Each structure stands twice: as C-alpha cells, then as structure tokens.
Amino acid sequence: LLIQIRFRSRDAALSAAVVNGLIRAYGEQDSEARVEATAQASGWLSGQLRDLKARVEQDQQRLAAFQGQHGILTAPEMLASGQQGETQHTSALLEIDELSRQLVAVTSDRILREAEYRAASQGNPELVIASDPHLLTENGNFATALLQQLHARQSGLNQEQAQLSIEHGPNFPRVVEIRGQLQDLDRQVAAEDAKLVNQFKSAWQTAADREQLVRTRLDEQTGAGMKQNQASNEYEDMRQEADRSHELYLRVLEKVEEA
C-alpha cells in the first residue's frame, strides 16, 4: 500500500515541513498500532506461561513423590535390553512418544491461535495479520485483497476530497458525495474486519478440536499400553506428561520472547 502526501503552499519551506511532519506522524501511529497488537498477544501468552510453569513444577513434585513411594529408579525404556517386559513396552511406548510429540505441537498451535484471536477481537485484525507473515499465505484463510482494494479506494477519495475542499470548499457537491462514499467504505472495512475476526476464531476452534483428538488418542493408547508392571507404566505416563508440559512451557516462552 503506497501513501502519497501532498501539501501546496506558496511557502516552499512550509510545504516541506508539513509533508515531513505528516510522514513522521503517520509512521509513529502505524508503529504504535503494531506494538499494541503484539503487546495484547504477548500479554495473554505471558499469563499462559505462568500457568504452564506452575504445571511443570507440580508435575516434577508428583514424579518425585511417585518415585519415592514405589521405589522407581529408572523409566521402563531405560531398562537393560534383557530385562523382562521391555519387549512388551517397546511398541506401545513408541506410539505414545509419537503422540506425545504431536500433542505438544497441536497444543502450542492452539495457544498461538487463541492469542491471535483474542488480539484480533480486541484490536485491529489487519495489524495482527501484518505482525505475523505466515497468516498472509496460510491456505488463503486470511486473504486481505478486498481490504487492500478498499483502503486504496479510501486513499484516492481522501486525496480527491482534500484537493476539492481547498479549491471549492467543504460544501461543494462532489465533496459531499465523496464524504458519503467514504462512510460507505468505512462500513465495508468494518464488515471485512469482522469476517477476519471470525476466521481467527474458526482457526482457534479447529486447533482446539485437533488438540482434543490427539489428546484422546494418547489417553487411549496409554491405557492400552498398561501391561504387567502397573507402577512403572504409570510412572512413565507421568514422566511423559511432565516432559510435554516442560516442552510446551519452553515453546510458549520462545513465543513470548519473540513478541
């Protein structure tokens, strides 16, 4: 989007000063809006980070207590190759480990989608998209071609209105007509922004459904994988949950640091 700024005056120095002042003001306003959109998302992520940190600490305490209660020194996959029960655990543990990795990925995605939706619903969804380039190309879900056309039309009308107002005054018929067109464009932009917010919400709900599906599969596989040594298997499940929480904590921490 190109923005052209003109100011006509018999005083060349005044013309340059006005144009440069408008450019600086526009740049500052645009920068502040981007910072605000990012701050909203990062603020919500920071709250999630505190909850995840508390969960990680709680998981570590549960693991230590369970180890002490059952006398477990090693996890099942760390047993020597000749130990009884290892072969029975291997296949189930491999699938559980894979599902655990998937769960970390989809949970991280769900948290990010929710943060994007909350930032979009509380501010300007176009700025949220602009702050995260992958949204512009992601399956076309966040296409903003129409909005770009609307903004370009607004820019042209604003320029024409400013020129005619200077030459003929604010009540000139064409100036009045342009004001009406600009109001209509404002309504169209608001409607398109509302559609973007709904797309953010839909993406969040889809990510949440995907997370629930993977979590259900993981729970089912974990239950089916319980074999002879119930205490060892229960410990392994707790350890993997703690690992998932810790890895998820690190991922969200990375997102907060990026913001």
Protein backbone atom coordinates (compact mmCIF):
# COMPACT_ATOMS: atom_id res chain seq x y z
CA LEU A 1 0.00 0.00 0.00
CA LEU A 2 1.52 3.31 -1.10
CA ILE A 3 0.53 6.54 0.58
CA GLN A 4 1.08 9.83 -1.25
CA ILE A 5 1.12 13.04 0.77
CA ARG A 6 0.89 16.48 -0.85
CA PHE A 7 0.68 19.99 0.56
CA ARG A 8 0.53 23.06 -1.62
CA SER A 9 1.65 26.46 -0.39
CA ARG A 10 3.46 29.50 -1.70
CA ASP A 11 5.99 28.93 1.07
CA ALA A 12 8.28 26.07 -0.03
CA ALA A 13 9.72 25.62 3.47
CA LEU A 14 6.24 25.41 4.96
CA SER A 15 5.17 22.82 2.36
CA ALA A 16 8.19 20.63 3.12
CA ALA A 17 7.70 20.97 6.87
CA VAL A 18 4.01 19.99 6.71
CA VAL A 19 4.65 16.95 4.49
CA ASN A 20 7.58 15.75 6.62
CA GLY A 21 5.54 16.26 9.78
CA LEU A 22 2.64 14.20 8.40
CA ILE A 23 5.04 11.42 7.34
CA ARG A 24 6.58 11.27 10.81
CA ALA A 25 3.16 11.29 12.50
CA TYR A 26 1.86 8.52 10.24
CA GLY A 27 4.95 6.39 10.88
CA GLU A 28 4.64 6.85 14.64
CA GLN A 29 0.92 5.99 14.59
CA ASP A 30 1.48 2.86 12.48
CA SER A 31 4.34 1.72 14.72
CA GLU A 32 2.31 2.26 17.89
CA ALA A 33 -0.62 0.27 16.48
CA ARG A 34 1.65 -2.68 15.60
CA VAL A 35 3.24 -2.59 19.04
CA GLU A 36 -0.19 -2.54 20.71
CA ALA A 37 -1.40 -5.57 18.72
CA THR A 38 1.75 -7.51 19.60
CA ALA A 39 1.53 -6.46 23.25
CA GLN A 40 -2.03 -7.81 23.54
CA ALA A 41 -0.98 -11.20 22.19
CA SER A 42 2.20 -11.36 24.28
CA GLY A 43 0.31 -10.31 27.41
CA TRP A 44 -2.12 -13.20 27.05
CA LEU A 45 0.78 -15.59 26.30
CA SER A 46 2.55 -14.40 29.46
CA GLY A 47 -0.46 -15.48 31.51
CA GLN A 48 -0.38 -18.89 29.83
CA LEU A 49 3.34 -19.07 30.58
CA ARG A 50 2.77 -18.60 34.30
CA ASP A 51 0.16 -21.39 34.33
CA LEU A 52 2.49 -23.72 32.40
CA LYS A 53 5.38 -23.02 34.76
CA ALA A 54 3.18 -23.91 37.75
CA ARG A 55 2.10 -27.12 35.95
CA VAL A 56 5.73 -28.09 35.26
CA GLU A 57 6.65 -27.63 38.93
CA GLN A 58 3.60 -29.65 40.02
CA ASP A 59 4.47 -32.49 37.61
CA GLN A 60 8.03 -32.66 38.95
CA GLN A 61 6.75 -32.89 42.51
CA ARG A 62 4.33 -35.70 41.55
CA LEU A 63 7.13 -37.62 39.84
CA ALA A 64 9.43 -37.33 42.85
CA ALA A 65 6.67 -38.46 45.24
CA PHE A 66 5.71 -41.39 43.00
CA GLN A 67 9.34 -42.49 42.67
CA GLY A 68 9.77 -42.44 46.43
CA GLN A 69 6.51 -44.31 47.04
CA HIS A 70 7.17 -47.11 44.52
CA GLY A 71 10.96 -47.22 44.62
CA ILE A 72 11.33 -46.49 40.90
CA LEU A 73 14.84 -45.51 39.87
CA THR A 74 14.58 -45.67 36.06
CA ALA A 75 11.88 -45.38 33.43
CA PRO A 76 10.90 -48.56 31.50
CA GLU A 77 12.65 -47.57 28.27
CA MET A 78 15.94 -47.20 30.19
CA LEU A 79 16.00 -50.84 31.35
CA ALA A 80 18.70 -53.18 30.03
CA SER A 81 17.80 -55.00 26.82
CA GLY A 82 17.46 -58.33 28.62
CA GLN A 83 15.00 -57.22 31.26
CA GLN A 84 11.59 -58.87 31.30
CA GLY A 85 8.73 -56.77 29.95
CA GLU A 86 10.81 -54.43 27.78
CA THR A 87 9.65 -56.04 24.51
CA GLN A 88 6.05 -55.68 25.60
CA HIS A 89 6.54 -52.00 26.35
CA THR A 90 8.51 -51.01 23.27
CA SER A 91 5.75 -50.86 20.64
CA ALA A 92 3.28 -49.06 22.89
CA LEU A 93 5.90 -46.62 24.11
CA LEU A 94 6.96 -45.75 20.58
CA GLU A 95 3.39 -44.84 19.66
CA ILE A 96 2.90 -42.97 22.91
CA ASP A 97 6.08 -40.99 22.32
CA GLU A 98 4.93 -40.07 18.81
CA LEU A 99 1.50 -39.00 20.07
CA SER A 100 3.20 -37.02 22.84
CA ARG A 101 5.22 -35.07 20.29
CA GLN A 102 2.08 -34.45 18.24
CA LEU A 103 0.26 -33.24 21.35
CA VAL A 104 2.99 -30.71 22.13
CA ALA A 105 2.81 -29.37 18.55
CA VAL A 106 -1.00 -29.08 18.40
CA THR A 107 -1.24 -27.59 21.91
CA SER A 108 1.35 -24.97 21.04
CA ASP A 109 -0.59 -24.19 17.85
CA ARG A 110 -3.88 -23.92 19.77
CA ILE A 111 -2.38 -21.48 22.29
CA LEU A 112 -0.95 -19.33 19.49
CA ARG A 113 -4.27 -19.36 17.57
CA GLU A 114 -6.17 -18.35 20.68
CA ALA A 115 -3.73 -15.49 21.34
CA GLU A 116 -4.14 -14.29 17.74
CA TYR A 117 -7.95 -14.43 18.01
CA ARG A 118 -8.00 -12.52 21.28
CA ALA A 119 -5.68 -9.84 19.88
CA ALA A 120 -7.78 -9.55 16.70
CA SER A 121 -11.10 -9.34 18.56
CA GLN A 122 -9.80 -6.63 20.92
CA GLY A 123 -7.94 -4.54 18.33
CA ASN A 124 -7.32 -4.32 14.60
CA PRO A 125 -7.28 -7.78 12.93
CA GLU A 126 -5.35 -6.40 9.96
CA LEU A 127 -2.49 -5.43 12.26
CA VAL A 128 -2.46 -8.93 13.77
CA ILE A 129 -2.08 -10.38 10.27
CA ALA A 130 0.63 -7.86 9.38
CA SER A 131 2.59 -8.79 12.53
CA ASP A 132 2.69 -12.50 11.54
CA PRO A 133 3.59 -13.02 7.83
CA HIS A 134 2.59 -16.70 7.76
CA LEU A 135 -1.06 -15.69 8.15
CA LEU A 136 -0.94 -13.93 4.77
CA THR A 137 -0.16 -17.14 2.86
CA GLU A 138 -1.68 -19.84 5.04
CA ASN A 139 -4.10 -21.64 2.70
CA GLY A 140 -5.63 -18.29 1.76
CA ASN A 141 -7.64 -18.24 5.01
CA PHE A 142 -6.53 -14.73 5.88
CA ALA A 143 -6.60 -13.18 2.39
CA THR A 144 -6.91 -9.40 2.57
CA ALA A 145 -7.07 -8.50 -1.12
CA LEU A 146 -10.51 -6.88 -0.76
CA LEU A 147 -9.38 -4.85 2.23
CA GLN A 148 -6.38 -3.62 0.28
CA GLN A 149 -8.69 -2.52 -2.52
CA LEU A 150 -10.98 -0.73 -0.04
CA HIS A 151 -8.06 1.07 1.59
CA ALA A 152 -6.70 2.07 -1.81
CA ARG A 153 -10.13 3.45 -2.75
CA GLN A 154 -10.30 5.34 0.56
CA SER A 155 -6.86 6.81 -0.07
CA GLY A 156 -7.85 8.03 -3.53
CA LEU A 157 -11.11 9.55 -2.30
CA ASN A 158 -9.42 11.24 0.65
CA GLN A 159 -6.90 12.82 -1.68
CA GLU A 160 -9.60 13.99 -4.08
CA GLN A 161 -11.70 15.33 -1.19
CA ALA A 162 -8.76 17.28 0.23
CA GLN A 163 -7.98 18.83 -3.17
CA LEU A 164 -11.59 19.81 -3.92
CA SER A 165 -12.14 21.16 -0.39
CA ILE A 166 -9.20 23.50 -0.84
CA GLU A 167 -10.40 24.68 -4.23
CA HIS A 168 -14.21 24.79 -3.74
CA GLY A 169 -14.90 24.45 -0.01
CA PRO A 170 -16.43 21.64 2.13
CA ASN A 171 -19.97 22.03 0.72
CA PHE A 172 -19.03 21.51 -2.91
CA PRO A 173 -21.37 18.79 -4.35
CA ARG A 174 -18.54 16.42 -5.24
CA VAL A 175 -17.02 16.85 -1.75
CA VAL A 176 -20.37 15.95 -0.15
CA GLU A 177 -20.64 12.94 -2.48
CA ILE A 178 -17.14 11.78 -1.55
CA ARG A 179 -17.99 12.01 2.16
CA GLY A 180 -20.89 9.64 1.61
CA GLN A 181 -18.68 7.24 -0.34
CA LEU A 182 -16.07 7.29 2.42
CA GLN A 183 -18.72 6.47 5.03
CA ASP A 184 -19.85 3.52 2.90
CA LEU A 185 -16.23 2.35 2.56
CA ASP A 186 -15.80 2.59 6.35
CA ARG A 187 -18.79 0.27 6.79
CA GLN A 188 -17.36 -2.18 4.26
CA VAL A 189 -13.97 -2.18 6.00
CA ALA A 190 -15.67 -2.81 9.36
CA ALA A 191 -17.61 -5.74 7.87
CA GLU A 192 -14.43 -7.25 6.39
CA ASP A 193 -12.62 -6.83 9.72
CA ALA A 194 -15.47 -8.71 11.41
CA LYS A 195 -15.02 -11.53 8.89
CA LEU A 196 -11.31 -11.66 9.71
CA VAL A 197 -12.08 -11.95 13.42
CA ASN A 198 -14.43 -14.87 12.66
CA GLN A 199 -11.66 -16.52 10.63
CA PHE A 200 -9.28 -16.17 13.57
CA LYS A 201 -11.94 -17.72 15.83
CA SER A 202 -12.52 -20.58 13.40
CA ALA A 203 -8.78 -21.28 13.20
CA TRP A 204 -8.61 -21.34 17.01
CA GLN A 205 -11.58 -23.74 17.30
CA THR A 206 -10.09 -26.03 14.63
CA ALA A 207 -6.79 -26.12 16.51
CA ALA A 208 -8.62 -26.87 19.78
CA ASP A 209 -10.52 -29.76 18.16
CA ARG A 210 -7.27 -31.15 16.75
CA GLU A 211 -5.64 -30.93 20.18
CA GLN A 212 -8.57 -32.76 21.80
CA LEU A 213 -8.41 -35.51 19.18
CA VAL A 214 -4.70 -36.12 19.70
CA ARG A 215 -5.12 -35.99 23.48
CA THR A 216 -7.91 -38.58 23.30
CA ARG A 217 -5.80 -40.89 21.13
CA LEU A 218 -2.88 -40.50 23.51
CA ASP A 219 -5.05 -41.32 26.52
CA GLU A 220 -6.47 -44.37 24.75
CA GLN A 221 -3.02 -45.63 23.73
CA THR A 222 -1.62 -45.02 27.18
CA GLY A 223 -4.45 -47.03 28.74
CA ALA A 224 -3.96 -49.88 26.23
CA GLY A 225 -0.21 -49.85 26.88
CA MET A 226 -0.55 -50.63 30.58
CA LYS A 227 0.90 -54.14 30.90
CA GLN A 228 2.47 -56.17 33.70
CA ASN A 229 4.20 -53.52 35.74
CA GLN A 230 1.44 -51.01 36.53
CA ALA A 231 3.58 -48.80 38.71
CA SER A 232 6.34 -48.48 36.09
CA ASN A 233 3.85 -47.73 33.35
CA GLU A 234 2.08 -45.15 35.49
CA TYR A 235 5.39 -43.52 36.24
CA GLU A 236 6.25 -43.44 32.53
CA ASP A 237 2.93 -41.76 31.74
CA MET A 238 3.56 -39.16 34.43
CA ARG A 239 7.11 -38.59 33.16
CA GLN A 240 5.89 -38.07 29.60
CA GLU A 241 3.21 -35.67 30.78
CA ALA A 242 5.87 -33.76 32.69
CA ASP A 243 8.10 -33.73 29.59
CA ARG A 244 5.20 -32.45 27.47
CA SER A 245 4.46 -29.71 29.97
CA HIS A 246 8.10 -28.69 30.08
CA GLU A 247 8.48 -28.70 26.30
CA LEU A 248 5.25 -26.75 25.90
CA TYR A 249 6.48 -24.27 28.51
CA LEU A 250 9.69 -23.76 26.51
CA ARG A 251 7.74 -23.25 23.28
CA VAL A 252 5.43 -20.66 24.79
CA LEU A 253 8.43 -18.98 26.44
CA GLU A 254 10.01 -18.72 22.99
CA LYS A 255 6.82 -17.13 21.60
CA VAL A 256 6.74 -14.60 24.46
CA GLU A 257 10.39 -13.71 23.90
CA GLU A 258 9.70 -13.25 20.16
CA ALA A 259 6.81 -10.90 20.95
